């Protein structure tokens, strides 16, 4: 009985993770500029990967594999925001022209400097 519930929960997590990963992939392909693509990849991609890893942890019925999957989720949660921030900062500093959709440049107004380093 409990094995069936865990199996269904794992399958549901796997499907949700695949759905989030699909949304992230569509966002990377369809969104107009680097900043919005990066947002889609970092948010939905990390959630999708984390849900898939949690499904692996539930469905494997092995403590060693489950612990590695949980460590993978923690690694995703710690590294994805940092990498997205660094990618956005590097793109902002090296971009020849920022995208036309950027109306307000908050970073430039806070520092009072030009965006090129």
N, C-alpha and C. Protein backbone atom coordinates (compact mmCIF):
# COMPACT_ATOMS: atom_id res chain seq x y z
N UNK A 1 0.82 -1.20 0.00
CA UNK A 1 0.00 0.00 0.00
C UNK A 1 0.86 1.26 0.00
N UNK A 2 1.81 1.36 0.95
CA UNK A 2 2.66 2.55 1.02
C UNK A 2 3.61 2.62 -0.18
N UNK A 3 4.01 1.48 -0.70
CA UNK A 3 4.88 1.45 -1.87
C UNK A 3 4.15 2.02 -3.08
N UNK A 4 2.86 1.70 -3.18
CA UNK A 4 2.07 2.24 -4.29
C UNK A 4 1.95 3.76 -4.20
N UNK A 5 1.74 4.29 -3.00
CA UNK A 5 1.63 5.73 -2.82
C UNK A 5 2.94 6.42 -3.17
N UNK A 6 4.05 5.84 -2.73
CA UNK A 6 5.36 6.42 -3.03
C UNK A 6 5.63 6.36 -4.54
N UNK A 7 5.23 5.29 -5.17
CA UNK A 7 5.41 5.15 -6.62
C UNK A 7 4.59 6.19 -7.37
N UNK A 8 3.34 6.38 -6.98
CA UNK A 8 2.51 7.39 -7.63
C UNK A 8 3.06 8.80 -7.39
N UNK A 9 3.52 9.06 -6.17
CA UNK A 9 4.09 10.38 -5.87
C UNK A 9 5.36 10.62 -6.70
N UNK A 10 6.18 9.59 -6.83
CA UNK A 10 7.39 9.70 -7.64
C UNK A 10 7.08 9.94 -9.11
N UNK A 11 6.07 9.24 -9.61
CA UNK A 11 5.67 9.45 -11.02
C UNK A 11 5.11 10.85 -11.23
N UNK A 12 4.35 11.34 -10.25
CA UNK A 12 3.82 12.70 -10.36
C UNK A 12 4.95 13.73 -10.34
N UNK A 13 5.94 13.54 -9.46
CA UNK A 13 7.09 14.44 -9.43
C UNK A 13 7.87 14.39 -10.74
N UNK A 14 8.00 13.20 -11.30
CA UNK A 14 8.71 13.05 -12.56
C UNK A 14 7.99 13.78 -13.69
N UNK A 15 6.67 13.65 -13.75
CA UNK A 15 5.91 14.34 -14.78
C UNK A 15 5.96 15.86 -14.60
N UNK A 16 5.86 16.34 -13.37
CA UNK A 16 5.95 17.77 -13.12
C UNK A 16 7.34 18.30 -13.47
N UNK A 17 8.37 17.54 -13.14
CA UNK A 17 9.73 17.94 -13.50
C UNK A 17 9.93 18.00 -15.00
N UNK A 18 9.38 17.03 -15.71
CA UNK A 18 9.47 17.05 -17.17
C UNK A 18 8.71 18.23 -17.75
N UNK A 19 7.57 18.56 -17.16
CA UNK A 19 6.79 19.71 -17.63
C UNK A 19 7.54 21.02 -17.41
N UNK A 20 8.13 21.20 -16.23
CA UNK A 20 8.91 22.40 -15.97
C UNK A 20 10.13 22.48 -16.90
N UNK A 21 10.77 21.36 -17.16
CA UNK A 21 11.91 21.36 -18.06
C UNK A 21 11.49 21.71 -19.49
N UNK A 22 10.34 21.23 -19.90
CA UNK A 22 9.81 21.57 -21.22
C UNK A 22 9.51 23.07 -21.32
N UNK A 23 8.90 23.63 -20.28
CA UNK A 23 8.62 25.06 -20.27
C UNK A 23 9.93 25.86 -20.33
N UNK A 24 10.96 25.40 -19.61
CA UNK A 24 12.25 26.08 -19.65
C UNK A 24 12.87 26.02 -21.04
N UNK A 25 12.78 24.87 -21.69
CA UNK A 25 13.33 24.73 -23.03
C UNK A 25 12.58 25.61 -24.04
N UNK A 26 11.28 25.66 -23.93
CA UNK A 26 10.50 26.52 -24.82
C UNK A 26 10.84 27.99 -24.56
N UNK A 27 11.01 28.35 -23.29
CA UNK A 27 11.38 29.72 -22.96
C UNK A 27 12.73 30.11 -23.51
N UNK A 28 13.69 29.20 -23.46
CA UNK A 28 15.02 29.50 -23.99
C UNK A 28 14.97 29.70 -25.50
N UNK A 29 14.14 28.95 -26.17
CA UNK A 29 14.05 29.05 -27.62
C UNK A 29 13.23 30.27 -28.05
N UNK A 30 12.14 30.57 -27.36
CA UNK A 30 11.18 31.55 -27.84
C UNK A 30 11.36 32.97 -27.29
N UNK A 31 11.99 33.15 -26.17
CA UNK A 31 12.07 34.48 -25.58
C UNK A 31 13.09 35.35 -26.31
N UNK A 32 12.90 36.68 -26.30
CA UNK A 32 13.64 37.55 -27.23
C UNK A 32 15.09 37.85 -26.88
N UNK A 33 15.44 38.01 -25.62
CA UNK A 33 16.81 38.43 -25.32
C UNK A 33 17.42 37.56 -24.24
N UNK A 34 18.69 37.81 -23.98
CA UNK A 34 19.45 36.97 -23.05
C UNK A 34 18.87 36.99 -21.65
N UNK A 35 18.44 38.14 -21.18
CA UNK A 35 17.97 38.25 -19.80
C UNK A 35 16.70 37.43 -19.58
N UNK A 36 15.76 37.47 -20.50
CA UNK A 36 14.54 36.68 -20.33
C UNK A 36 14.81 35.19 -20.55
N UNK A 37 15.69 34.87 -21.47
CA UNK A 37 16.06 33.45 -21.67
C UNK A 37 16.74 32.89 -20.43
N UNK A 38 17.62 33.71 -19.85
CA UNK A 38 18.33 33.28 -18.66
C UNK A 38 17.35 33.07 -17.50
N UNK A 39 16.34 33.92 -17.41
CA UNK A 39 15.34 33.78 -16.37
C UNK A 39 14.58 32.46 -16.53
N UNK A 40 14.18 32.15 -17.75
CA UNK A 40 13.45 30.91 -18.00
C UNK A 40 14.32 29.69 -17.69
N UNK A 41 15.56 29.75 -18.11
CA UNK A 41 16.44 28.60 -17.90
C UNK A 41 16.77 28.42 -16.42
N UNK A 42 17.00 29.51 -15.71
CA UNK A 42 17.42 29.37 -14.32
C UNK A 42 16.25 29.00 -13.41
N UNK A 43 15.09 29.58 -13.61
CA UNK A 43 13.96 29.29 -12.72
C UNK A 43 13.33 27.94 -13.05
N UNK A 44 12.79 27.84 -14.25
CA UNK A 44 12.06 26.62 -14.60
C UNK A 44 13.00 25.43 -14.75
N UNK A 45 14.20 25.67 -15.24
CA UNK A 45 15.15 24.56 -15.39
C UNK A 45 15.59 23.98 -14.06
N UNK A 46 15.84 24.84 -13.09
CA UNK A 46 16.24 24.35 -11.76
C UNK A 46 15.10 23.63 -11.06
N UNK A 47 13.90 24.15 -11.19
CA UNK A 47 12.75 23.48 -10.57
C UNK A 47 12.49 22.14 -11.25
N UNK A 48 12.57 22.11 -12.57
CA UNK A 48 12.36 20.86 -13.29
C UNK A 48 13.40 19.81 -12.95
N UNK A 49 14.67 20.22 -12.95
CA UNK A 49 15.72 19.28 -12.58
C UNK A 49 15.61 18.81 -11.14
N UNK A 50 15.24 19.73 -10.25
CA UNK A 50 15.07 19.35 -8.84
C UNK A 50 13.93 18.37 -8.65
N UNK A 51 12.81 18.58 -9.35
CA UNK A 51 11.69 17.64 -9.23
C UNK A 51 12.03 16.27 -9.79
N UNK A 52 12.78 16.24 -10.88
CA UNK A 52 13.20 14.95 -11.44
C UNK A 52 14.13 14.23 -10.47
N UNK A 53 15.04 14.96 -9.86
CA UNK A 53 15.94 14.33 -8.88
C UNK A 53 15.19 13.86 -7.64
N UNK A 54 14.19 14.61 -7.20
CA UNK A 54 13.36 14.14 -6.08
C UNK A 54 12.57 12.89 -6.45
N UNK A 55 12.12 12.82 -7.70
CA UNK A 55 11.43 11.60 -8.16
C UNK A 55 12.39 10.42 -8.15
N UNK A 56 13.62 10.65 -8.56
CA UNK A 56 14.62 9.57 -8.51
C UNK A 56 14.85 9.13 -7.07
N UNK A 57 14.92 10.10 -6.15
CA UNK A 57 15.13 9.76 -4.75
C UNK A 57 13.97 8.93 -4.19
N UNK A 58 12.76 9.24 -4.63
CA UNK A 58 11.61 8.47 -4.15
C UNK A 58 11.50 7.09 -4.78
N UNK A 59 11.80 7.00 -6.07
CA UNK A 59 11.54 5.76 -6.80
C UNK A 59 12.66 4.74 -6.76
N UNK A 60 13.85 5.13 -6.31
CA UNK A 60 14.97 4.20 -6.41
C UNK A 60 14.97 3.14 -5.30
N UNK A 61 14.41 3.44 -4.14
CA UNK A 61 14.39 2.53 -2.99
C UNK A 61 15.78 2.09 -2.57
N UNK A 62 16.75 2.97 -2.75
CA UNK A 62 18.12 2.75 -2.32
C UNK A 62 18.60 4.02 -1.63
N UNK A 63 19.11 3.88 -0.42
CA UNK A 63 19.49 5.04 0.38
C UNK A 63 20.64 5.80 -0.27
N UNK A 64 21.62 5.11 -0.82
CA UNK A 64 22.76 5.77 -1.43
C UNK A 64 22.38 6.62 -2.63
N UNK A 65 21.53 6.08 -3.49
CA UNK A 65 21.08 6.82 -4.66
C UNK A 65 20.20 7.99 -4.24
N UNK A 66 19.35 7.77 -3.24
CA UNK A 66 18.47 8.85 -2.77
C UNK A 66 19.28 10.00 -2.17
N UNK A 67 20.32 9.69 -1.43
CA UNK A 67 21.15 10.74 -0.85
C UNK A 67 21.89 11.52 -1.94
N UNK A 68 22.38 10.83 -2.96
CA UNK A 68 23.03 11.53 -4.07
C UNK A 68 22.05 12.44 -4.81
N UNK A 69 20.82 11.99 -4.98
CA UNK A 69 19.81 12.80 -5.64
C UNK A 69 19.47 14.04 -4.81
N UNK A 70 19.38 13.89 -3.50
CA UNK A 70 19.09 15.03 -2.63
C UNK A 70 20.26 16.00 -2.63
N UNK A 71 21.49 15.50 -2.63
CA UNK A 71 22.66 16.38 -2.73
C UNK A 71 22.64 17.10 -4.08
N UNK A 72 22.20 16.44 -5.13
CA UNK A 72 22.06 17.09 -6.43
C UNK A 72 21.04 18.21 -6.42
N UNK A 73 19.93 18.01 -5.70
CA UNK A 73 18.92 19.07 -5.58
C UNK A 73 19.50 20.26 -4.84
N UNK A 74 20.21 20.01 -3.74
CA UNK A 74 20.83 21.10 -2.98
C UNK A 74 21.86 21.83 -3.85
N UNK A 75 22.64 21.08 -4.61
CA UNK A 75 23.62 21.69 -5.51
C UNK A 75 22.93 22.58 -6.55
N UNK A 76 21.83 22.11 -7.12
CA UNK A 76 21.08 22.92 -8.09
C UNK A 76 20.56 24.20 -7.44
N UNK A 77 20.00 24.08 -6.25
CA UNK A 77 19.44 25.25 -5.58
C UNK A 77 20.51 26.27 -5.19
N UNK A 78 21.72 25.81 -4.94
CA UNK A 78 22.80 26.73 -4.55
C UNK A 78 23.51 27.35 -5.75
N UNK A 79 23.68 26.61 -6.82
CA UNK A 79 24.50 27.10 -7.92
C UNK A 79 23.72 27.81 -9.02
N UNK A 80 22.46 27.48 -9.23
CA UNK A 80 21.70 28.09 -10.32
C UNK A 80 21.52 29.60 -10.16
N UNK A 81 21.13 30.11 -8.99
CA UNK A 81 21.01 31.57 -8.87
C UNK A 81 22.34 32.30 -9.03
N UNK A 82 23.41 31.71 -8.52
CA UNK A 82 24.72 32.34 -8.63
C UNK A 82 25.16 32.40 -10.09
N UNK A 83 24.99 31.30 -10.80
CA UNK A 83 25.41 31.29 -12.21
C UNK A 83 24.55 32.23 -13.05
N UNK A 84 23.26 32.30 -12.77
CA UNK A 84 22.40 33.21 -13.52
C UNK A 84 22.78 34.66 -13.25
N UNK A 85 23.09 34.98 -12.01
CA UNK A 85 23.51 36.35 -11.67
C UNK A 85 24.81 36.72 -12.37
N UNK A 86 25.78 35.82 -12.36
CA UNK A 86 27.05 36.11 -13.00
C UNK A 86 26.92 36.21 -14.52
N UNK A 87 26.08 35.39 -15.10
CA UNK A 87 25.84 35.47 -16.54
C UNK A 87 25.18 36.80 -16.91
N UNK A 88 24.21 37.23 -16.13
CA UNK A 88 23.55 38.51 -16.41
C UNK A 88 24.51 39.67 -16.22
N UNK A 89 25.32 39.62 -15.20
CA UNK A 89 26.27 40.71 -14.95
C UNK A 89 27.31 40.79 -16.07
N UNK A 90 27.82 39.64 -16.50
CA UNK A 90 28.80 39.63 -17.58
C UNK A 90 28.17 40.11 -18.89
N UNK A 91 26.95 39.71 -19.15
CA UNK A 91 26.28 40.16 -20.36
C UNK A 91 26.02 41.66 -20.32
N UNK A 92 25.64 42.16 -19.19
CA UNK A 92 25.37 43.59 -19.05
C UNK A 92 26.63 44.40 -19.27
N UNK A 93 27.73 43.93 -18.74
CA UNK A 93 28.98 44.70 -18.85
C UNK A 93 29.61 44.63 -20.24
N UNK A 94 29.40 43.55 -20.98
CA UNK A 94 30.05 43.38 -22.27
C UNK A 94 29.15 43.63 -23.47
N UNK A 95 27.87 43.84 -23.24
CA UNK A 95 26.93 43.98 -24.35
C UNK A 95 27.16 45.30 -25.08
N UNK A 96 27.22 45.24 -26.43
CA UNK A 96 27.35 46.45 -27.23
C UNK A 96 26.09 47.29 -27.18
N UNK A 97 24.97 46.62 -27.25
CA UNK A 97 23.70 47.35 -27.16
C UNK A 97 22.74 46.48 -26.37
N UNK A 98 22.13 47.06 -25.37
CA UNK A 98 21.14 46.33 -24.59
C UNK A 98 19.86 46.21 -25.39
N UNK A 99 19.07 45.23 -25.06
CA UNK A 99 17.87 44.96 -25.84
C UNK A 99 16.90 46.14 -25.76
N UNK A 100 16.11 46.30 -26.79
CA UNK A 100 15.19 47.43 -26.88
C UNK A 100 14.08 47.38 -25.83
N UNK A 101 13.81 46.19 -25.30
CA UNK A 101 12.75 46.06 -24.30
C UNK A 101 13.18 46.61 -22.93
N UNK A 102 14.46 46.88 -22.75
CA UNK A 102 14.91 47.39 -21.47
C UNK A 102 14.61 48.89 -21.41
N UNK A 103 13.64 49.26 -20.61
CA UNK A 103 13.21 50.64 -20.53
C UNK A 103 13.98 51.37 -19.44
N UNK A 104 14.12 50.75 -18.28
CA UNK A 104 14.79 51.37 -17.15
C UNK A 104 16.06 50.58 -16.86
N UNK A 105 17.16 51.28 -16.77
CA UNK A 105 18.44 50.67 -16.45
C UNK A 105 18.75 50.97 -14.98
N UNK A 106 18.29 50.11 -14.09
CA UNK A 106 18.45 50.36 -12.66
C UNK A 106 19.90 50.25 -12.21
N UNK A 107 20.66 49.38 -12.82
CA UNK A 107 22.05 49.23 -12.41
C UNK A 107 22.85 50.48 -12.72
N UNK A 108 22.61 51.07 -13.88
CA UNK A 108 23.32 52.28 -14.24
C UNK A 108 22.92 53.44 -13.34
N UNK A 109 21.63 53.52 -12.98
CA UNK A 109 21.17 54.63 -12.15
C UNK A 109 21.65 54.48 -10.70
N UNK A 110 21.86 53.26 -10.22
CA UNK A 110 22.34 53.07 -8.85
C UNK A 110 23.82 53.38 -8.72
N UNK A 111 24.61 52.99 -9.70
CA UNK A 111 26.05 53.19 -9.59
C UNK A 111 26.49 54.51 -10.16
N UNK A 112 25.69 55.09 -11.05
CA UNK A 112 26.06 56.34 -11.68
C UNK A 112 27.18 56.18 -12.69
N UNK A 113 27.43 54.95 -13.12
CA UNK A 113 28.53 54.68 -14.05
C UNK A 113 27.96 54.15 -15.35
N UNK A 114 28.83 54.12 -16.32
CA UNK A 114 28.49 53.49 -17.57
C UNK A 114 28.53 51.97 -17.35
N UNK A 115 27.81 51.21 -18.16
CA UNK A 115 27.75 49.76 -17.95
C UNK A 115 29.00 49.03 -18.45
N UNK A 116 29.89 49.67 -19.17
CA UNK A 116 31.11 49.00 -19.64
C UNK A 116 32.18 49.11 -18.59
N UNK A 117 32.89 48.02 -18.36
CA UNK A 117 33.94 48.04 -17.34
C UNK A 117 35.27 48.46 -17.90
